[in-house]
Each structure stands twice: as C-alpha cells, then as structure tokens.
Protein backbone atom coordinates (compact mmCIF):
# COMPACT_ATOMS: atom_id res chain seq x y z
CA MET A 1 117.50 119.86 81.97
CA ASP A 2 118.71 121.52 78.78
CA LEU A 3 115.47 121.03 76.92
CA PRO A 4 113.90 124.45 77.73
CA ASP A 5 117.03 126.31 76.63
CA SER A 6 117.26 124.20 73.49
CA LYS A 7 113.63 124.85 72.74
CA ASN A 8 114.03 128.60 73.25
CA SER A 9 117.11 128.73 71.06
CA SER A 10 115.26 126.74 68.41
CA TRP A 11 112.38 129.22 68.43
CA ALA A 12 114.82 132.14 68.26
CA ALA A 13 116.69 130.56 65.36
CA THR A 14 113.42 129.96 63.53
CA PHE A 15 112.29 133.55 64.04
CA ARG A 16 115.59 134.85 62.68
CA LEU A 17 114.85 133.23 59.32
CA PRO A 18 113.84 136.01 56.88
CA SER A 19 111.14 133.82 55.35
CA VAL A 20 109.53 133.29 58.78
CA GLN A 21 109.71 137.00 59.57
CA ALA A 22 108.14 137.82 56.20
CA MET A 23 105.28 135.36 56.75
CA LEU A 24 104.59 136.69 60.25
CA LEU A 25 104.62 140.29 59.01
CA ALA A 26 102.29 139.41 56.14
CA LEU A 27 99.89 137.65 58.51
CA LEU A 28 99.94 140.57 60.94
CA ALA A 29 99.37 143.09 58.14
CA PHE A 30 96.44 141.10 56.77
CA LEU A 31 94.77 140.56 60.16
CA ALA A 32 95.26 144.16 61.31
CA THR A 33 93.83 145.52 58.07
CA ALA A 34 90.95 143.04 58.16
CA TRP A 35 90.10 144.24 61.68
CA PHE A 36 90.25 147.83 60.44
CA GLN A 37 88.04 147.11 57.43
CA ILE A 38 85.48 145.00 59.30
CA GLY A 39 85.25 147.13 62.43
CA PRO A 40 83.94 144.40 64.74
CA GLY A 41 81.67 145.63 67.51
CA PHE A 42 78.11 145.74 68.79
CA VAL A 43 75.41 146.58 66.24
CA ASP A 44 71.64 146.87 66.38
CA ASP A 45 69.99 143.45 66.09
CA GLY A 46 66.72 144.94 64.82
CA GLN A 47 64.82 143.82 67.91
CA GLY A 48 65.76 146.57 70.32
CA GLY A 49 68.97 144.88 71.40
CA SER A 50 72.50 144.50 70.13
CA ARG A 51 74.77 141.79 68.82
CA LEU A 52 78.33 141.43 67.64
CA GLY A 53 78.69 142.38 64.02
CA MET A 54 80.44 144.55 61.45
CA GLN A 55 80.28 148.26 62.27
CA ALA A 56 82.25 149.40 59.20
CA VAL A 57 79.68 148.49 56.56
CA GLY A 58 81.05 150.78 53.85
CA LEU A 59 84.39 151.73 52.33
CA LEU A 60 86.41 154.46 54.02
CA ASP A 61 86.68 156.90 51.13
CA VAL A 62 84.50 157.72 48.12
CA ASP A 63 87.32 156.95 45.67
CA GLY A 64 87.31 153.33 46.82
CA TYR A 65 83.79 152.89 45.43
CA TYR A 66 84.97 154.13 42.04
CA HIS A 67 88.01 151.85 41.95
CA ILE A 68 86.22 148.62 42.84
CA LYS A 69 83.41 149.43 40.40
CA MET A 70 86.00 150.00 37.68
CA GLY A 71 87.38 146.54 38.43
CA GLU A 72 83.86 145.16 37.98
CA LEU A 73 83.30 147.16 34.77
CA TYR A 74 86.55 145.78 33.36
CA ARG A 75 85.34 142.29 34.27
CA THR A 76 82.03 142.81 32.46
CA GLY A 77 83.75 144.47 29.48
CA ASP A 78 81.88 147.77 29.81
CA VAL A 79 85.08 149.85 29.97
CA GLN A 80 86.51 148.07 26.94
CA ARG A 81 83.30 148.69 24.97
CA ALA A 82 83.32 152.37 25.90
CA GLY A 83 86.90 152.76 24.65
CA VAL A 84 88.11 156.37 24.61
CA ASP A 85 84.53 157.55 25.15
CA PHE A 86 84.29 157.42 28.94
CA HIS A 87 80.67 158.54 28.79
CA TRP A 88 80.16 158.12 32.54
CA ALA A 89 81.94 161.49 32.99
CA ARG A 90 80.48 163.66 30.23
CA GLU A 91 82.24 166.91 31.21
CA SER A 92 85.64 165.40 32.01
CA ILE A 93 88.74 165.16 29.84
CA TRP A 94 88.08 161.43 30.06
CA ASN A 95 85.12 161.73 27.69
CA GLY A 96 86.59 161.27 24.23
CA GLN A 97 90.17 160.91 25.45
CA PHE A 98 90.13 158.20 28.10
CA SER A 99 93.25 156.38 29.19
CA ASP A 100 92.86 154.82 32.60
CA LYS A 101 95.46 156.39 34.90
CA ASP A 102 95.03 153.45 37.30
CA TYR A 103 94.94 150.84 34.56
CA LEU A 104 96.98 148.05 36.16
CA TYR A 105 95.41 148.61 39.57
CA HIS A 106 91.92 148.24 38.12
CA LEU A 107 92.93 145.01 36.40
CA TYR A 108 94.32 143.85 39.75
CA LEU A 109 90.87 144.47 41.30
CA VAL A 110 89.08 142.31 38.71
CA PRO A 111 89.59 138.97 40.52
CA PHE A 112 88.42 140.49 43.82
CA ALA A 113 85.19 141.62 42.17
CA ALA A 114 84.79 138.31 40.36
CA LEU A 115 85.23 136.24 43.52
CA LEU A 116 83.22 138.27 46.01
CA ALA A 117 80.53 140.10 44.02
CA ASN A 118 77.57 138.68 42.17
CA GLY A 119 77.46 141.18 39.33
CA PRO A 120 77.62 145.00 39.07
CA HIS A 121 74.53 145.53 41.26
CA ASP A 122 75.81 143.52 44.23
CA ALA A 123 76.82 146.47 46.42
CA GLU A 124 77.57 144.34 49.46
CA GLY A 125 79.77 141.99 47.45
CA LEU A 126 81.66 144.81 45.74
CA ILE A 127 82.29 146.51 49.08
CA ALA A 128 83.61 143.20 50.45
CA ALA A 129 85.86 142.97 47.39
CA GLY A 130 87.19 146.47 48.04
CA LYS A 131 87.89 145.61 51.67
CA ALA A 132 89.67 142.39 50.69
CA ALA A 133 91.81 144.34 48.22
CA CYS A 134 92.79 146.74 51.03
CA CYS A 135 93.99 143.78 53.10
CA VAL A 136 96.13 142.43 50.27
CA ASN A 137 97.40 145.95 49.48
CA MET A 138 98.70 146.27 53.04
CA VAL A 139 100.40 142.89 52.80
CA LEU A 140 102.14 143.93 49.57
CA LEU A 141 103.27 147.24 51.08
CA THR A 142 104.57 145.50 54.21
CA MET A 143 106.52 143.01 52.11
CA ALA A 144 107.97 145.84 50.01
CA VAL A 145 109.20 147.70 53.11
CA PHE A 146 110.64 144.51 54.62
CA ALA A 147 112.39 143.65 51.34
CA ALA A 148 113.79 147.18 51.01
CA LEU A 149 115.24 147.07 54.52
CA ARG A 150 116.73 143.63 53.93
CA ILE A 151 118.31 144.62 50.62
CA MET A 152 119.84 147.72 52.23
CA GLY A 153 121.41 145.48 54.88
CA VAL A 154 119.40 146.70 57.88
CA ARG A 155 119.43 144.28 60.82
CA ARG A 156 116.11 143.67 62.56
CA ALA A 157 114.30 144.64 59.36
CA TRP A 158 111.06 143.25 60.79
CA LEU A 159 111.16 145.83 63.60
CA TYR A 160 111.60 148.83 61.31
CA THR A 161 108.90 147.49 59.02
CA LEU A 162 106.46 147.74 61.92
CA LEU A 163 107.80 151.19 62.79
CA MET A 164 106.64 152.66 59.48
CA ILE A 165 103.30 153.11 61.30
CA PHE A 166 105.13 154.99 64.06
CA PHE A 167 106.69 157.38 61.54
CA GLY A 168 103.58 157.69 59.38
CA GLY A 169 101.11 158.51 62.16
CA GLY A 170 97.34 158.31 62.29
CA TYR A 171 96.73 159.94 58.90
CA PHE A 172 99.08 157.40 57.33
CA VAL A 173 97.02 154.59 58.88
CA PHE A 174 93.89 156.09 57.34
CA ARG A 175 95.49 156.46 53.92
CA VAL A 176 96.89 152.92 53.73
CA ASN A 177 93.44 151.53 54.52
CA LEU A 178 91.87 153.11 51.44
CA ASN A 179 91.18 151.21 48.25
CA ARG A 180 93.46 153.43 46.20
CA SER A 181 96.12 152.84 43.57
CA TYR A 182 98.77 154.86 45.40
CA MET A 183 99.33 151.76 47.54
CA PHE A 184 101.17 150.39 44.51
CA SER A 185 102.99 153.71 44.16
CA ILE A 186 104.38 153.62 47.71
CA ALA A 187 105.79 150.11 47.27
CA LEU A 188 107.18 150.83 43.80
CA ALA A 189 108.76 154.12 44.88
CA LEU A 190 110.52 152.53 47.86
CA LEU A 191 111.75 149.51 45.88
CA GLY A 192 112.74 151.84 43.06
CA TYR A 193 114.84 153.91 45.45
CA VAL A 194 116.57 150.77 46.72
CA LEU A 195 117.41 149.81 43.13
CA ILE A 196 118.72 153.34 42.54
CA ALA A 197 120.99 152.88 45.56
CA ARG A 198 122.14 149.52 44.15
CA THR A 199 123.37 151.21 40.96
CA THR A 200 126.28 152.62 43.00
CA LEU A 201 127.61 149.06 43.34
CA PRO A 202 129.44 148.07 40.11
CA HIS A 203 128.71 144.36 40.52
CA ALA A 204 124.96 145.00 40.98
CA ARG A 205 124.51 147.84 38.49
CA LYS A 206 123.20 145.92 35.48
CA GLY A 207 120.71 143.96 37.54
CA ALA A 208 119.53 147.15 39.22
CA TRP A 209 119.03 148.84 35.85
CA LEU A 210 116.99 145.92 34.56
CA GLY A 211 114.88 145.98 37.72
CA LEU A 212 114.37 149.74 37.42
CA PHE A 213 113.26 149.43 33.81
CA LEU A 214 110.62 146.82 34.64
CA LEU A 215 109.53 148.59 37.81
CA SER A 216 109.18 151.94 36.00
CA ALA A 217 107.00 150.38 33.32
CA ILE A 218 104.74 148.81 35.96
CA TYR A 219 104.66 152.14 37.82
CA ALA A 220 103.50 154.03 34.72
CA LEU A 221 100.73 151.50 34.14
CA SER A 222 99.55 151.64 37.75
CA TYR A 223 99.71 155.29 38.81
CA THR A 224 100.34 158.74 37.38
CA ALA A 225 103.33 159.58 39.61
CA SER A 226 105.92 157.32 37.99
CA HIS A 227 108.09 160.43 37.57
CA PHE A 228 108.58 160.29 41.36
CA LEU A 229 111.41 157.82 40.71
CA LEU A 230 113.23 160.56 38.78
CA VAL A 231 112.60 163.00 41.63
CA LEU A 232 114.14 160.56 44.12
CA LEU A 233 117.12 160.04 41.81
CA ALA A 234 117.59 163.82 41.47
CA VAL A 235 117.49 164.39 45.23
CA ARG A 236 119.94 161.57 45.82
CA GLY A 237 122.18 162.85 43.02
CA VAL A 238 122.42 166.32 44.56
CA LEU A 239 123.25 164.79 47.93
CA GLN A 240 125.94 162.65 46.29
CA LEU A 241 127.59 165.77 44.90
CA LEU A 242 127.54 167.37 48.35
CA VAL A 243 128.77 164.31 50.25
CA GLY A 244 131.43 163.36 47.73
CA ALA A 245 132.20 160.20 45.81
CA PRO A 246 133.11 156.90 47.51
CA ALA A 247 136.53 155.30 47.19
CA GLY A 248 137.32 154.32 43.63
CA GLU A 249 134.75 156.73 42.17
CA THR A 250 134.63 160.41 41.27
CA ARG A 251 131.78 162.89 41.27
CA LEU A 252 131.87 162.82 37.47
CA SER A 253 131.63 159.02 37.28
CA GLU A 254 128.70 159.06 39.71
CA LEU A 255 127.01 161.75 37.64
CA ARG A 256 127.40 159.62 34.50
CA CYS A 257 125.92 156.64 36.34
CA ASN A 258 122.97 158.73 37.52
CA LEU A 259 122.33 160.01 34.00
CA LEU A 260 122.27 156.44 32.71
CA THR A 261 119.96 155.46 35.56
CA ALA A 262 117.65 158.36 34.68
CA ALA A 263 117.61 157.19 31.06
CA VAL A 264 116.69 153.66 32.15
CA ILE A 265 113.84 154.96 34.34
CA ALA A 266 112.59 157.25 31.57
CA ALA A 267 112.70 154.35 29.10
CA GLY A 268 110.71 152.20 31.50
CA ILE A 269 108.11 154.93 32.02
CA LEU A 270 107.83 155.45 28.26
CA THR A 271 107.36 151.71 27.77
CA GLY A 272 104.58 151.71 30.34
CA VAL A 273 102.89 154.67 28.64
CA LEU A 274 103.09 152.95 25.25
CA LEU A 275 101.43 149.87 26.74
CA HIS A 276 98.42 151.97 27.75
CA PRO A 277 95.34 151.58 25.52
CA ASP A 278 95.78 155.24 24.46
CA PRO A 279 99.35 156.52 25.04
CA SER A 280 98.69 160.12 23.96
CA ALA A 281 95.75 160.38 26.34
CA ALA A 282 97.90 158.87 29.10
CA LEU A 283 100.46 161.65 28.60
CA HIS A 284 97.71 164.28 28.64
CA HIS A 285 96.29 162.85 31.86
CA TRP A 286 99.76 162.84 33.39
CA TRP A 287 100.13 166.53 32.53
CA VAL A 288 96.79 167.43 34.08
CA GLN A 289 97.12 165.22 37.17
CA SER A 290 100.76 165.92 37.99
CA ILE A 291 101.35 169.46 36.72
CA VAL A 292 98.05 171.31 36.39
CA VAL A 293 96.58 170.03 39.66
CA MET A 294 99.80 171.00 41.47
CA ALA A 295 99.70 174.45 39.87
CA LEU A 296 96.08 175.01 40.89
CA SER A 297 96.66 173.79 44.44
CA HIS A 298 99.61 176.21 44.76
CA GLN A 299 98.52 179.05 42.47
CA ASP A 300 100.71 181.69 44.09
CA SER A 301 103.93 179.68 43.62
CA VAL A 302 103.78 176.67 41.29
CA GLY A 303 100.98 178.23 39.23
CA ARG A 304 102.92 181.44 38.63
CA ALA A 305 106.11 179.56 37.75
CA LEU A 306 104.26 177.28 35.32
CA ASP A 307 102.67 180.27 33.61
CA GLU A 308 106.13 181.69 32.94
CA VAL A 309 107.49 178.36 31.67
CA MET A 310 104.55 177.91 29.28
CA ARG A 311 104.85 181.49 28.04
CA VAL A 312 108.61 181.43 27.47
CA LEU A 313 109.00 177.90 26.07
CA PHE A 314 105.71 177.37 24.24
CA ASN A 315 104.30 180.92 23.82
CA GLU A 316 101.10 179.72 25.49
CA GLN A 317 99.06 181.74 28.00
CA THR A 318 97.90 179.38 30.74
CA ASN A 319 97.01 181.80 33.58
CA TYR A 320 97.17 179.14 36.30
CA ALA A 321 98.20 181.77 38.88
CA ARG A 322 94.83 183.51 38.53
CA HIS A 323 92.72 180.52 37.63
CA ILE A 324 89.23 179.92 38.88
CA ASP A 325 88.94 178.29 42.29
CA ILE A 326 89.19 174.52 42.34
CA ALA A 327 87.68 172.67 45.31
CA LEU A 328 90.53 170.22 45.79
CA GLY A 329 90.52 167.42 48.35
CA MET A 330 92.20 167.63 51.76
CA GLU A 331 95.04 165.39 50.59
CA LEU A 332 96.31 168.21 48.35
CA GLN A 333 96.41 170.77 51.16
CA GLU A 334 99.37 171.73 53.33
CA MET A 335 99.95 169.94 56.63
CA GLY A 336 99.10 172.04 59.69
CA GLY A 337 101.69 172.56 62.41
CA ARG A 338 99.62 171.14 65.27
CA GLY A 339 98.73 168.00 63.33
CA LEU A 340 102.37 167.56 62.35
CA VAL A 341 103.65 167.74 65.93
CA PHE A 342 101.06 165.39 67.40
CA ASP A 343 100.58 162.95 64.52
CA ASN A 344 103.97 162.88 62.81
CA PHE A 345 106.27 163.69 65.72
CA ALA A 346 108.49 160.66 65.05
CA ALA A 347 109.22 161.56 61.43
CA LEU A 348 109.67 165.22 62.40
CA PHE A 349 112.10 164.72 65.29
CA ALA A 350 114.06 161.73 63.97
CA PRO A 351 116.27 163.88 61.66
CA MET A 352 117.09 166.11 64.65
CA LEU A 353 117.77 163.42 67.25
CA LEU A 354 119.59 160.77 65.22
CA PRO A 355 122.63 162.96 64.39
CA LEU A 356 122.89 163.84 68.10
CA PHE A 357 122.67 160.16 69.02
CA ALA A 358 125.36 159.35 66.44
CA ALA A 359 127.62 162.11 67.76
CA TRP A 360 127.16 160.89 71.34
CA ALA A 361 128.13 157.34 70.28
CA ARG A 362 131.03 158.76 68.24
CA TRP A 363 129.70 156.99 65.15
CA ARG A 364 130.43 158.45 61.76
CA PRO A 365 127.36 157.77 59.59
CA SER A 366 127.93 155.67 56.50
CA ARG A 367 127.56 157.37 53.17
CA GLU A 368 124.39 155.41 52.47
CA ALA A 369 122.89 156.44 55.81
CA VAL A 370 123.51 160.11 54.99
CA LEU A 371 122.08 159.84 51.48
CA THR A 372 118.97 157.90 52.51
CA GLY A 373 118.47 160.18 55.50
CA GLY A 374 118.58 163.19 53.20
CA VAL A 375 116.07 161.63 50.83
CA SER A 376 113.71 160.86 53.73
CA ILE A 377 113.92 164.51 54.85
CA ALA A 378 113.09 165.60 51.30
CA VAL A 379 110.03 163.32 51.34
CA LEU A 380 109.00 164.83 54.69
CA CYS A 381 109.29 168.32 53.17
CA MET A 382 107.05 167.22 50.29
CA PHE A 383 104.51 166.10 52.88
CA LEU A 384 104.64 169.51 54.57
CA LEU A 385 103.61 171.10 51.27
CA ASN A 386 101.16 168.42 50.16
CA MET A 387 99.45 165.96 52.52
CA ARG A 388 99.21 163.22 49.91
CA PHE A 389 102.91 162.50 50.50
CA VAL A 390 102.15 161.20 54.00
CA GLU A 391 101.96 157.67 52.64
CA TYR A 392 105.62 157.91 51.58
CA VAL A 393 106.87 159.41 54.86
CA GLY A 394 106.42 156.25 56.95
CA PRO A 395 108.30 153.78 54.70
CA PHE A 396 111.14 156.17 53.79
CA SER A 397 111.60 157.26 57.41
CA ALA A 398 111.66 153.62 58.51
CA LEU A 399 114.39 152.87 55.97
CA ALA A 400 116.49 155.88 56.95
CA VAL A 401 116.10 155.35 60.70
CA GLY A 402 116.92 151.66 60.29
CA LEU A 403 120.22 152.51 58.61
CA TRP A 404 121.13 155.08 61.27
CA MET A 405 120.00 153.15 64.35
CA GLU A 406 121.66 149.88 63.38
CA GLY A 407 124.84 151.76 62.58
CA VAL A 408 124.84 153.45 65.99
CA LEU A 409 124.01 150.22 67.85
CA ALA A 410 126.94 148.47 66.15
CA SER A 411 129.39 151.33 66.83
CA ARG A 412 132.33 151.07 69.21
CA GLY A 413 131.07 154.01 71.22
CA TYR A 414 127.75 152.38 71.93
CA GLN A 415 129.39 149.05 72.75
CA ALA A 416 131.69 150.83 75.20
CA TRP A 417 128.65 152.36 76.88
CA GLN A 418 127.08 148.90 77.09
CA ARG A 419 130.10 147.71 79.06
CA GLN A 420 130.03 150.75 81.35
CA ALA A 421 126.28 150.73 82.02
CA PRO A 422 124.90 147.29 81.14
CA ALA A 423 121.53 147.73 82.84
CA LEU A 424 120.83 151.18 81.40
CA SER A 425 122.06 150.21 77.94
CA ARG A 426 119.55 147.37 77.87
CA ALA A 427 116.72 149.41 79.36
CA ALA A 428 117.05 152.43 77.04
CA PRO A 429 116.39 150.59 73.73
CA LEU A 430 113.58 148.63 75.36
CA ALA A 431 111.98 151.85 76.59
CA LEU A 432 112.21 153.42 73.13
CA ALA A 433 110.77 150.26 71.56
CA LEU A 434 107.94 150.30 74.11
CA ILE A 435 107.08 153.93 73.34
CA ALA A 436 107.16 153.23 69.62
CA GLY A 437 105.10 150.05 70.05
CA ILE A 438 102.44 151.83 72.10
CA SER A 439 102.31 154.57 69.46
CA VAL A 440 101.93 152.05 66.63
CA VAL A 441 99.09 150.25 68.40
CA GLY A 442 97.53 153.57 69.40
CA PHE A 443 97.63 154.97 65.87
CA TRP A 444 96.13 151.80 64.40
CA LEU A 445 93.46 151.24 67.04
CA GLY A 446 92.59 154.93 67.31
CA SER A 447 92.11 155.30 63.58
CA GLY A 448 90.28 151.99 63.32
CA LEU A 449 87.85 152.81 66.11
CA GLY A 450 87.27 156.37 64.92
CA LEU A 451 86.88 155.65 61.20
CA ARG A 452 84.04 153.19 60.80
CA PRO A 453 81.68 154.11 57.95
CA ALA A 454 78.21 153.26 59.25
CA ASP A 455 76.59 153.43 55.80
CA ARG A 456 77.43 152.72 52.18
CA GLY A 457 77.42 156.32 51.12
CA GLU A 458 75.23 159.27 52.04
CA ILE A 459 73.61 159.32 48.61
CA ALA A 460 73.27 155.54 48.27
CA PRO A 461 69.43 155.80 48.13
CA ALA A 462 69.70 158.18 45.16
CA GLY A 463 72.07 155.81 43.37
CA LEU A 464 69.79 152.85 44.05
CA TRP A 465 66.79 154.81 42.75
CA LEU A 466 68.64 155.48 39.48
CA GLN A 467 69.67 151.83 39.28
CA GLN A 468 66.16 150.47 39.88
CA ASN A 469 64.25 152.87 37.62
CA THR A 470 65.02 151.83 34.07
CA GLN A 471 63.65 155.05 32.58
CA ALA A 472 66.76 156.77 34.01
CA HIS A 473 69.20 154.41 32.29
CA GLY A 474 71.26 156.05 29.58
CA LYS A 475 70.36 159.53 30.86
CA VAL A 476 72.68 162.23 32.20
CA VAL A 477 72.53 163.12 35.89
CA TYR A 478 73.58 166.62 36.99
CA HIS A 479 75.29 166.52 40.41
CA ASP A 480 76.45 169.52 42.39
CA ARG A 481 79.34 167.71 44.13
CA TRP A 482 82.08 166.31 41.92
CA ASP A 483 82.92 163.55 44.43
CA ASP A 484 79.33 162.23 44.29
CA PHE A 485 80.40 160.66 41.00
CA CYS A 486 82.12 157.77 42.80
CA HIS A 487 78.98 156.67 44.65
CA LEU A 488 76.73 157.30 41.66
CA LEU A 489 78.89 155.20 39.33
CA PHE A 490 79.12 152.49 41.99
CA TYR A 491 75.33 152.13 42.30
CA ALA A 492 74.10 153.15 38.85
CA SER A 493 76.65 152.70 36.07
CA GLU A 494 73.66 152.61 33.70
CA CYS A 495 73.56 156.43 33.88
CA ASP A 496 76.04 159.10 32.86
CA TYR A 497 77.29 161.95 35.05
CA LEU A 498 79.25 165.19 34.71
CA ALA A 499 82.71 164.64 36.21
CA GLY A 500 84.43 162.96 39.09
CA LEU A 501 87.58 162.15 41.05
CA ASP A 502 89.06 165.59 40.35
CA PRO A 503 87.27 168.85 39.40
CA THR A 504 90.36 169.86 37.44
CA PHE A 505 89.38 167.33 34.76
CA PHE A 506 86.18 169.35 34.29
CA ALA A 507 87.87 172.78 34.35
CA VAL A 508 90.59 171.79 31.88
CA LYS A 509 88.13 170.40 29.34
CA ASN A 510 85.84 173.44 29.24
CA ARG A 511 86.43 176.34 31.59
CA GLU A 512 83.23 178.18 30.65
CA ARG A 513 81.02 175.17 31.35
CA TYR A 514 82.91 174.55 34.58
CA GLU A 515 82.28 178.14 35.70
CA LEU A 516 78.59 177.76 34.82
CA TRP A 517 78.41 174.56 36.86
CA ARG A 518 80.09 176.26 39.83
CA ASN A 519 77.78 179.26 39.62
CA ILE A 520 74.69 177.06 39.55
CA ASN A 521 75.93 175.13 42.57
CA ARG A 522 76.60 178.34 44.48
CA GLY A 523 73.10 179.63 43.83
CA LYS A 524 74.27 182.39 41.48
CA VAL A 525 72.00 181.31 38.61
CA SER A 526 68.35 181.92 39.39
CA ASP A 527 66.88 180.24 36.31
CA PHE A 528 69.12 177.18 36.28
CA VAL A 529 66.80 174.59 34.72
CA PRO A 530 67.44 175.60 31.06
CA ALA A 531 71.21 175.40 31.61
CA VAL A 532 70.94 172.00 33.29
CA ARG A 533 68.62 170.67 30.60
CA ASP A 534 70.05 172.26 27.44
CA THR A 535 73.72 173.05 28.17
CA PHE A 536 74.55 169.92 30.16
CA GLY A 537 71.88 167.71 28.60
CA ALA A 538 70.86 166.38 32.00
CA SER A 539 67.58 164.60 32.70
CA TYR A 540 68.10 164.39 36.47
CA MET A 541 69.55 166.65 39.17
CA LEU A 542 71.11 165.62 42.47
CA ILE A 543 71.35 168.65 44.78
CA HIS A 544 72.67 168.99 48.33
CA ARG A 545 71.34 171.60 50.73
CA SER A 546 74.90 172.27 51.92
CA SER A 547 75.98 173.36 48.43
CA SER A 548 73.54 176.27 48.42
CA ASP A 549 70.35 176.87 50.38
CA PHE A 550 69.22 179.13 47.55
CA LEU A 551 69.66 176.42 44.90
CA TYR A 552 68.02 173.78 47.09
CA ASN A 553 65.00 175.98 47.84
CA ARG A 554 64.74 177.14 44.21
CA ALA A 555 64.57 173.48 43.19
CA GLN A 556 61.50 173.06 45.42
CA GLU A 557 59.93 176.07 43.68
CA GLU A 558 60.70 174.53 40.29
CA VAL A 559 58.86 171.38 41.43
CA ARG A 560 55.79 173.46 42.19
CA ALA A 561 56.20 175.21 38.83
CA GLY A 562 56.25 171.85 37.03
CA ARG A 563 59.77 172.13 35.59
CA LEU A 564 61.26 169.58 38.03
CA ARG A 565 59.78 166.42 39.48
CA LEU A 566 60.91 165.07 42.86
CA CYS A 567 62.22 161.49 42.63
CA ILE A 568 63.60 160.86 46.12
CA ARG A 569 64.56 162.99 49.09
CA ASP A 570 66.95 162.32 51.96
CA PRO A 571 65.03 161.57 55.19
CA GLU A 572 66.91 164.42 56.90
CA ASP A 573 66.38 166.70 53.90
CA ASP A 574 70.12 167.04 53.18
CA TRP A 575 69.79 166.20 49.47
CA ALA A 576 67.19 165.47 46.84
CA LEU A 577 67.09 163.87 43.39
CA PHE A 578 64.89 165.56 40.79
CA GLU A 579 63.84 164.69 37.25
CA VAL A 580 64.06 167.51 34.72
CA VAL A 581 60.71 167.84 32.95
CA ARG A 582 61.21 168.27 29.22
C-alpha cells in the first residue's frame, strides 16, 4: 500500500538533484530551440497538395549567414590566408586591419560546419549547421543561468531559469534564436557578475579572481563587449557605497576589493586582446564598435560628449554629434513604450512590485538581493536606451527576482500568512506560476510561429549567380545595402564586396567614399557608372528598387546605353544584378 507514495517520493528526490534538473533544462532548451529553428508544419509537396515539412528553411537574421560562413572559411583556411587583408569587405576598416571581433565564436562554429556541410557551396548544409549551433547556444545559455542561480543560493533555480523567457519577452526569444556571438556574451556577463559577487566573500575571493581572469580573456576573444564586466562592477560598486558595508567590512575595504577586481578583469581582457591574431586591430575594432557606433546612434548625447572628450584629452576633432547619417539596425534603437509594456511587462513591473511584496511580508531584503536587484534595474535602463540589451534583461531579472522571491517565501511574515490562510497561500503562488508559464509558452510559440523564414535570403539567386559564373570570381560587387554583404559572402565568397555587418566600418575608414556610396544609393548621382567602376573598382552592381526608384530606373537606361549588362533580375522586380561594362 505504500508503494505509490514511495514511488512519488523517489521521483521527487530524483528531480531535486541539481544534475537531473540541469539535464532536463538542457534537453528542454535544445528541443524548444530545435522546434523554433525547424518550424515544423505543412509545406507544398510540389504536386498541388501539402505535406509535413520544415517551414523555416533559412536562418532568422542576415548576420547568421555571415557567422556560419566564417566558420566554414576558417575550416577551409581562407580567413587565415587572407590575414589582415579581409578583401571580402573592400571599403571596411577590416580591409588591411582585420582582427575578427567574434574570433572564438567563429572557431566554435567550425565543427558545426565540418559535420553538417559538404564544403563552402553547400548552402543547405551550412544553414543546418547554423541552426544546430543555435540549439547548442541556447543550451549553454540555459546552463549558465541555472549555474548562476545555484551559485547565488537561489532555491528552485530551475524555475527561475525558465522564467528568464518571461522577463525577456518575445523580442528576447527572437534574439536568442539567432546565430550570433552575443549568446556567449550573455552567459559570460551573467557568470562574470556572479564571480564579482563572490569576491565579497573572503574565503572565495581568490578563486573568484582566477575565474574572472579566465572568463574575461574568453570574453575578449569572443565578443567586443568584454568591458561590460567592468560596467557591472561599477554599478555594483556604487550600490555598495549607498547600501553600506557588511559586518566586518568597511566601505573603504570594499572599494579596495573592487579596484583589485577591476584590475583582474582588465588584465583578463588585455590577455584576450593579446591572444588575437592582430591585437592593435582588435583594440581599434573595439573603439569603433563600442564607442563610435554608440556615439553615432546617440549623436545628440553620447556623440556630443565624445566630441568634447576627444577635443580636451587628445586635441582631436571628431564631430560625431554632427556626423553623417548612419543607417543602423533596429537593435541599436530605443525601445518604444508600447512594446515595453506589452512585451517586457514582467521585467518592467518586477522592480515595483517586489519591494511592496517584501514590505507586506515584513521581510528585510538581504544585501545581495538589493545589490543584484539594482544591477538588474540598471540593465533594464540600458535596454530602454538600446534594444540590443534585451538579451541581458531576461537572465539578470531572473537572478534578481529569484533572490527576492525566495527570500520573501522563506520569511516569517509569509509563513505566518500561510498558517492563517493555507488555501490562499498555496493558490497565490500557483496562480502566479501559471500566468508566468502561459506567458513563457506564449512568447516562445508566438515568436516561433511568426518568425519562419520561408527562403534562404531575398537575394539568394544573385549570390548563386555570382557563385556559378566563374568570370565573376575575384571581382568586386557594388551593393546598395550594407546588410546584403552577409548573404553575398554566404553564397559567393569567391567575390569581394564593399562593406558589411555595420555601415560605421565603412564611414570610419573613408568618410568621403561613404558619402559617395550613400548619394549613389539615394539616387543623387545621375552618372553613377564611372564612380562605381573607377572609384570603387566594381565589376558588378546589385541594386534594390526600394533603395531608390531613380537609381533602379537609371540602371535600366544604362543597360540600353551599353554601360551595364543585366545578369539576373528578381522575378518581382525588387532587385537586379548588373555587370559593369568596361
């Protein structure tokens, strides 16, 4: 008669094992991401009917095509042979001064490309490799969040790991399903913060410093934002001064510890930079990516401040506040109010509701809960100014809420309420968990159903034409959209292009040529063929109608005049690839 109870208790005891929880979370993360990447559903069977198949045939974002192709080019040795001359982006700072800002991530992608793709021209295999990498990326991020919660002593760490989706929202789900190197950055930033918190414990300080040194070096090799660890340390340090030192410490002793921690992080970052193939180029790329791009995306604030700093400290006139327009991606824009309320309501309202909940339960938050809560609010503020921080909001909010909620649930006030209202005290947490669970599933399913790329890139036919026509190999292709570079490199790495990933790389290298490129694309240069042929040295032109009707129509006139030759046109006449007649 006791067998069912014994069996249930055995299952419960097994589930409470951290290793079992970690394995289940990893499996769930992999399967959920695989579903997202595959997009199972009904597809055309080619005979007028339908069948079950993969609806998401491409990668979600153009950058993913670049990253997986870089993994393949590292595997074939093409990147190593090119060295500092990244000729695939002729007008970028990368050409002549290349130091891969995603170096370790691209090496990580090499085995995916080797296992799933049959060479650089196997588009289907490379896309499968990119999707597989996304699945493993999500597993690594999930394990990092679970480990961070466990190290910080949060009970039910598995639950708060799942709730990072609840706090991140639909845009977070989209971002974590991209084949991008910031997936490493999220995990490293969160684990780095946990190690920073561990430095406050004298018995764990040396181990935490060693971990921070190694983690910072890996961070610098994987992503440009390794300085984010110093930002987190600075925010936490200010909060420590405001909150006050713990027993046995003083504000001054904590400040000394933080300065030593900052030195360890800086040493780790410097070590990572020195391990790059070209350290000086890596520093230059960090400056452009982290400082110049931020200045140009916020010209009226950051740009103006940076101009003053450069003038006063270095006597250099940068003029970022009145720089030419840069068409930056959506991820660098500010978050809109409506999107914030509906998509990130949990992260927005948690800092308001948790202190009220704690006051109601008469629980005095622990010092660590206050510090981590403050850091999570700072990360949320960064997201309000720059949407690329959304990927950090979910994990940091989950960590902060875990510390607060578990503290409240273990408080005497809450336990007294449990005795007074046993039914309600059990129903309330279950109701909150149900709302959060429905939101998590809704965010994941909604994003997965709504974001299924039905093709392998709008300009895939143009890239395949360049790949299959050997007379184009080794030639320069002019393209009016900077983000076309990712698809073009993916399909035809035998050709060279102007710039990609970020237009700032073009503008910083040569502002005059960048302005000429922009003017041509906007239809402000009537006789554009000489500039394309002689200034940019291009033998081919890829033009979109949406860039400029004038430019697109003028290109048709140049075909009739014999100065351009049509190679391939989009069936819906949205773009066309031309050869420049010399």
